Amino acid sequence: MRTELYELYDRNLGRKLEECFINEAYELMLKKEDSLDQYINDFKIENNEPNNVLGKYLYEDKEIVIYPQSIINSNNPEYKNKQLAALETIRHEIEHARNLKTIEEGRKDIESKVLRSSLKDYVIDHNIEYSLDYGKDDLISLRMKIVENYETNPGERIAEIKAWKYLVNLLKNKRKTEDLLIARSMLYYSYIRGYKNNKYHLESPTFDFLLKTGMFHDLLFLKRDFEKKDYCFNTRIMYGLPISYNEQKDKALQKVKLKRRTKMY
C-alpha cells in the first residue's frame, strides 16, 4: 500500500532537497504520533550548524531541529539519496522524543532502564531517578562523558534502529531497489553498532557505555538483571546487551533480511 509519505518521497526522488519536502514529511510522520504531542513543542529548519550535524532533539525545549545543508553536504554513501537521508534524520529525532516519553513514564522494563541511563543527566536534573554515582553537582562532568561515548549510547542506538526500521517498512514494496537495500543495510549496521570484538567475546555497547561514563551502579544492576532473565536475541541486540559472534554474523543479517553475499553500504 502506497502511503502519503511514500508518495511524497517518490515524487521528490532526484530533486534538490527542499525545506517544503522536509516540512511535509515531518507533518505526515506526526499524523500517527498523537502520544508525542507534549514531547514535540516545535519543529525548525536551520542552516547554521557548523559541525555537520544533520538534526537535533532538544530535550529541555522539546524541539526538533533539522539542518538540510548538512544533509546535502554529507559525503556518507548511505546519504547520497538526500530525500532518504532527510526522512531518516527526521524520524531519528522523533524517536528521541519517544525515548523521553518512555523515560518520563517511569516504567520498569528493559527499554526504560537503558534509556534512563542514556539520559542520566536529564534524569537527575529533573528528579526522575536518584543516582548512586552522580548528583546534581556532577552534571557537567556527566554530560561530557555521555557526549564522549555517543557511539555506544543506548538512546542513540535505539533511535537509529527504530528510524531505519521505519524506513525499511516504508520502502518494503520497492523490492530489489537500491533505496531498500540501503535501508536494510543501515538497519543492520544500527543493530551491530557499538559491539566490539575483544578477541574473547563481543563487548556489549550498553555495558561499555555505563562503564566509561562512570555509571557503575547502573552497570551492576543491569548485569544482575541480565543474568537473571533469559532475554531473547531480539531484545538483546535492540538494547545493546551481550550477543554471540554467531548471532552477530548470521542472526543479525537474517533479522534485516540480508544475506552475507549481499553488497552492503
Protein backbone atom coordinates (compact mmCIF):
# COMPACT_ATOMS: atom_id res chain seq x y z
CA MET A 1 0.00 0.00 0.00
CA ARG A 2 1.43 3.39 -1.05
CA THR A 3 1.17 5.82 1.84
CA GLU A 4 1.10 9.61 1.60
CA LEU A 5 4.68 9.73 2.86
CA TYR A 6 5.80 7.20 0.26
CA GLU A 7 4.06 9.21 -2.49
CA LEU A 8 5.84 12.36 -1.29
CA TYR A 9 9.17 10.55 -1.27
CA ASP A 10 8.62 9.04 -4.72
CA ARG A 11 7.65 12.39 -6.26
CA ASN A 12 10.80 14.07 -4.97
CA LEU A 13 13.39 11.46 -5.91
CA GLY A 14 16.26 13.00 -7.86
CA ARG A 15 15.26 16.54 -6.98
CA LYS A 16 17.14 19.02 -4.87
CA LEU A 17 16.31 18.62 -1.19
CA GLU A 18 14.00 21.48 -0.24
CA GLU A 19 12.51 22.73 3.01
CA CYS A 20 8.96 22.09 1.79
CA PHE A 21 9.76 18.37 1.45
CA ILE A 22 11.19 18.26 4.98
CA ASN A 23 8.20 20.08 6.47
CA GLU A 24 5.64 17.94 4.67
CA ALA A 25 7.47 14.70 5.55
CA TYR A 26 7.50 15.72 9.21
CA GLU A 27 3.79 16.56 9.19
CA LEU A 28 2.93 13.21 7.60
CA MET A 29 5.03 11.31 10.15
CA LEU A 30 3.37 13.15 13.03
CA LYS A 31 -0.14 12.29 11.85
CA LYS A 32 0.02 8.97 13.69
CA GLU A 33 2.00 10.18 16.69
CA ASP A 34 -0.65 11.79 18.90
CA SER A 35 1.04 10.41 22.01
CA LEU A 36 4.09 12.59 21.32
CA ASP A 37 2.22 15.92 21.25
CA GLN A 38 3.59 17.09 24.59
CA TYR A 39 7.12 15.92 23.71
CA ILE A 40 7.49 17.94 20.49
CA ASN A 41 6.76 21.62 21.02
CA ASP A 42 8.33 22.88 17.81
CA PHE A 43 9.93 21.77 14.54
CA LYS A 44 12.59 24.02 13.00
CA ILE A 45 14.73 24.02 9.88
CA GLU A 46 18.06 25.83 10.17
CA ASN A 47 21.24 26.02 8.13
CA ASN A 48 23.81 27.39 10.57
CA GLU A 49 25.10 24.12 12.03
CA PRO A 50 28.95 24.29 11.94
CA ASN A 51 29.64 20.69 12.96
CA ASN A 52 27.84 18.89 10.11
CA VAL A 53 25.11 17.71 12.48
CA LEU A 54 22.07 16.59 10.46
CA GLY A 55 19.47 17.05 13.18
CA LYS A 56 18.92 17.53 16.91
CA TYR A 57 16.27 16.89 19.52
CA LEU A 58 16.50 19.48 22.29
CA TYR A 59 15.29 17.71 25.44
CA GLU A 60 14.80 20.80 27.57
CA ASP A 61 12.79 22.69 24.95
CA LYS A 62 11.31 19.53 23.37
CA GLU A 63 12.16 20.85 19.91
CA ILE A 64 13.37 19.14 16.75
CA VAL A 65 15.86 20.99 14.56
CA ILE A 66 16.83 19.76 11.07
CA TYR A 67 19.85 21.08 9.14
CA PRO A 68 19.22 20.44 5.42
CA GLN A 69 22.51 21.94 4.27
CA SER A 70 24.38 19.42 6.42
CA ILE A 71 22.32 16.64 4.82
CA ILE A 72 23.09 17.97 1.33
CA ASN A 73 26.81 18.29 2.13
CA SER A 74 27.11 14.85 3.70
CA ASN A 75 29.54 12.54 1.90
CA ASN A 76 28.30 9.38 3.61
CA PRO A 77 27.41 6.86 0.88
CA GLU A 78 24.17 5.91 2.63
CA TYR A 79 23.13 9.55 2.34
CA LYS A 80 23.67 10.03 -1.39
CA ASN A 81 19.88 9.94 -1.72
CA LYS A 82 19.17 13.21 0.09
CA GLN A 83 15.43 12.57 0.45
CA LEU A 84 16.13 9.23 2.16
CA ALA A 85 18.69 10.93 4.40
CA ALA A 86 16.20 13.63 5.33
CA LEU A 87 13.50 11.08 6.20
CA GLU A 88 15.90 9.13 8.40
CA THR A 89 17.06 12.30 10.15
CA ILE A 90 13.50 13.46 10.88
CA ARG A 91 12.45 10.03 12.11
CA HIS A 92 15.58 9.69 14.25
CA GLU A 93 14.76 12.91 16.10
CA ILE A 94 11.11 11.87 16.53
CA GLU A 95 12.37 8.67 18.14
CA HIS A 96 14.38 10.75 20.61
CA ALA A 97 11.13 12.42 21.62
CA ARG A 98 9.62 8.96 22.10
CA ASN A 99 12.64 7.99 24.22
CA LEU A 100 11.94 10.94 26.50
CA LYS A 101 8.29 9.95 26.77
CA THR A 102 9.36 6.43 27.78
CA ILE A 103 11.71 7.81 30.43
CA GLU A 104 9.09 10.09 31.95
CA GLU A 105 6.52 7.28 32.11
CA GLY A 106 8.73 5.63 34.74
CA ARG A 107 8.23 2.02 33.63
CA LYS A 108 10.45 -0.81 34.86
CA ASP A 109 11.03 -2.67 31.57
CA ILE A 110 14.45 -3.13 29.96
CA GLU A 111 13.95 -0.32 27.44
CA SER A 112 13.12 2.17 30.18
CA LYS A 113 16.15 1.09 32.22
CA VAL A 114 18.69 1.58 29.43
CA LEU A 115 17.08 4.82 28.25
CA ARG A 116 17.27 6.34 31.73
CA SER A 117 20.99 5.58 31.71
CA SER A 118 21.43 7.14 28.27
CA LEU A 119 19.96 10.41 29.56
CA LYS A 120 21.16 10.16 33.13
CA ASP A 121 22.00 13.87 33.28
CA TYR A 122 18.41 14.77 32.32
CA VAL A 123 17.02 12.15 34.70
CA ILE A 124 19.00 13.53 37.64
CA ASP A 125 18.32 17.18 36.80
CA HIS A 126 14.55 16.56 36.61
CA ASN A 127 14.38 14.35 39.70
CA ILE A 128 13.10 11.35 37.71
CA GLU A 129 15.52 8.93 39.31
CA TYR A 130 18.12 9.08 42.07
CA SER A 131 21.71 8.17 41.13
CA LEU A 132 24.20 6.47 43.42
CA ASP A 133 27.08 7.58 41.21
CA TYR A 134 26.21 11.18 40.40
CA GLY A 135 24.48 14.14 41.98
CA LYS A 136 23.33 17.48 40.56
CA ASP A 137 26.76 18.97 41.23
CA ASP A 138 28.29 16.43 38.82
CA LEU A 139 26.03 17.08 35.80
CA ILE A 140 28.58 18.95 33.66
CA SER A 141 31.10 16.14 34.01
CA LEU A 142 28.43 13.52 33.35
CA ARG A 143 27.18 15.31 30.22
CA MET A 144 30.70 15.44 28.83
CA LYS A 145 31.15 11.70 29.37
CA ILE A 146 27.82 10.96 27.71
CA VAL A 147 28.82 13.04 24.66
CA GLU A 148 32.21 11.33 24.50
CA ASN A 149 30.52 7.91 24.38
CA TYR A 150 27.99 8.79 21.69
CA GLU A 151 28.67 5.63 19.66
CA THR A 152 27.60 3.25 22.43
CA ASN A 153 24.85 5.43 23.92
CA PRO A 154 21.80 3.14 24.07
CA GLY A 155 19.40 6.02 23.43
CA GLU A 156 21.19 6.84 20.18
CA ARG A 157 21.25 3.18 19.17
CA ILE A 158 17.53 2.77 19.83
CA ALA A 159 16.62 5.94 17.91
CA GLU A 160 18.75 4.88 14.95
CA ILE A 161 17.37 1.33 14.88
CA LYS A 162 13.76 2.49 15.06
CA ALA A 163 14.31 5.14 12.38
CA TRP A 164 15.78 2.67 9.88
CA LYS A 165 13.10 0.08 10.71
CA TYR A 166 10.52 2.74 9.88
CA LEU A 167 12.18 3.39 6.51
CA VAL A 168 12.51 -0.31 5.69
CA ASN A 169 8.78 -0.63 6.28
CA LEU A 170 8.09 2.48 4.19
CA LEU A 171 10.14 1.15 1.26
CA LYS A 172 9.30 -2.56 1.57
CA ASN A 173 7.35 -2.58 -1.70
CA LYS A 174 10.36 -1.19 -3.62
CA ARG A 175 11.81 -4.67 -3.90
CA LYS A 176 15.31 -5.09 -5.35
CA THR A 177 15.89 -1.34 -5.36
CA GLU A 178 18.96 0.44 -4.07
CA ASP A 179 16.88 2.51 -1.64
CA LEU A 180 15.53 -0.56 0.15
CA LEU A 181 18.97 -2.18 0.15
CA ILE A 182 20.47 0.92 1.74
CA ALA A 183 17.73 1.00 4.38
CA ARG A 184 18.20 -2.69 5.22
CA SER A 185 21.99 -2.31 5.30
CA MET A 186 21.79 0.69 7.61
CA LEU A 187 19.35 -1.15 9.85
CA TYR A 188 21.90 -3.97 10.12
CA TYR A 189 24.71 -1.55 10.99
CA SER A 190 22.44 0.12 13.54
CA TYR A 191 21.84 -3.20 15.25
CA ILE A 192 25.54 -4.07 15.48
CA ARG A 193 26.59 -0.52 16.36
CA GLY A 194 28.95 -0.45 19.32
CA TYR A 195 29.61 -4.18 19.54
CA LYS A 196 33.40 -4.67 19.67
CA ASN A 197 35.45 -7.83 19.27
CA ASN A 198 37.99 -8.08 22.09
CA LYS A 199 39.26 -11.50 20.83
CA TYR A 200 37.33 -13.30 23.59
CA HIS A 201 33.78 -12.09 23.10
CA LEU A 202 31.75 -9.23 21.71
CA GLU A 203 31.64 -6.35 24.17
CA SER A 204 28.14 -5.11 24.93
CA PRO A 205 27.78 -1.46 23.84
CA THR A 206 25.39 -0.68 26.70
CA PHE A 207 27.67 -2.24 29.33
CA ASP A 208 30.62 -0.38 27.79
CA PHE A 209 28.67 2.91 27.85
CA LEU A 210 27.82 2.52 31.53
CA LEU A 211 31.41 1.64 32.40
CA LYS A 212 33.02 4.54 30.52
CA THR A 213 30.51 7.11 31.80
CA GLY A 214 31.08 6.02 35.40
CA MET A 215 27.56 4.71 35.99
CA PHE A 216 28.88 1.78 37.97
CA HIS A 217 25.76 1.07 39.99
CA ASP A 218 23.58 1.14 36.87
CA LEU A 219 26.03 -1.30 35.29
CA LEU A 220 25.91 -3.61 38.31
CA PHE A 221 22.11 -3.60 38.44
CA LEU A 222 21.76 -4.15 34.69
CA LYS A 223 24.23 -7.05 34.71
CA ARG A 224 22.34 -8.68 37.59
CA ASP A 225 19.09 -8.22 35.70
CA PHE A 226 20.64 -9.68 32.55
CA GLU A 227 21.94 -12.74 34.42
CA LYS A 228 18.53 -13.43 36.00
CA LYS A 229 16.46 -13.08 32.83
CA ASP A 230 16.73 -15.07 29.64
CA TYR A 231 16.38 -12.21 27.19
CA CYS A 232 15.78 -13.27 23.60
CA PHE A 233 18.14 -12.28 20.79
CA ASN A 234 15.78 -9.54 19.55
CA THR A 235 15.74 -7.86 22.96
CA ARG A 236 19.48 -8.19 23.49
CA ILE A 237 20.52 -6.69 20.14
CA MET A 238 17.90 -3.94 20.38
CA TYR A 239 19.16 -2.71 23.74
CA GLY A 240 22.87 -3.35 23.24
CA LEU A 241 23.11 -6.33 25.60
CA PRO A 242 25.55 -9.23 25.06
CA ILE A 243 25.23 -11.30 21.89
CA SER A 244 27.47 -14.02 20.47
CA TYR A 245 29.73 -13.92 17.41
CA ASN A 246 27.38 -16.24 15.54
CA GLU A 247 24.38 -14.10 16.41
CA GLN A 248 26.12 -11.02 15.06
CA LYS A 249 27.35 -12.87 11.97
CA ASP A 250 24.15 -14.66 10.98
CA LYS A 251 21.06 -13.79 13.02
CA ALA A 252 21.51 -10.04 12.68
CA LEU A 253 21.64 -10.35 8.89
CA GLN A 254 18.61 -12.64 8.87
CA LYS A 255 16.75 -10.16 11.04
CA VAL A 256 17.07 -7.42 8.39
CA LYS A 257 16.54 -9.89 5.51
CA LEU A 258 20.03 -9.62 4.07
CA LYS A 259 22.48 -12.32 3.05
CA ARG A 260 26.23 -12.16 3.61
CA ARG A 261 26.94 -12.11 -0.10
CA THR A 262 24.71 -9.04 -0.49
CA LYS A 263 26.62 -5.81 -1.17
CA MET A 264 26.01 -3.51 1.77
CA TYR A 265 26.62 0.20 2.17
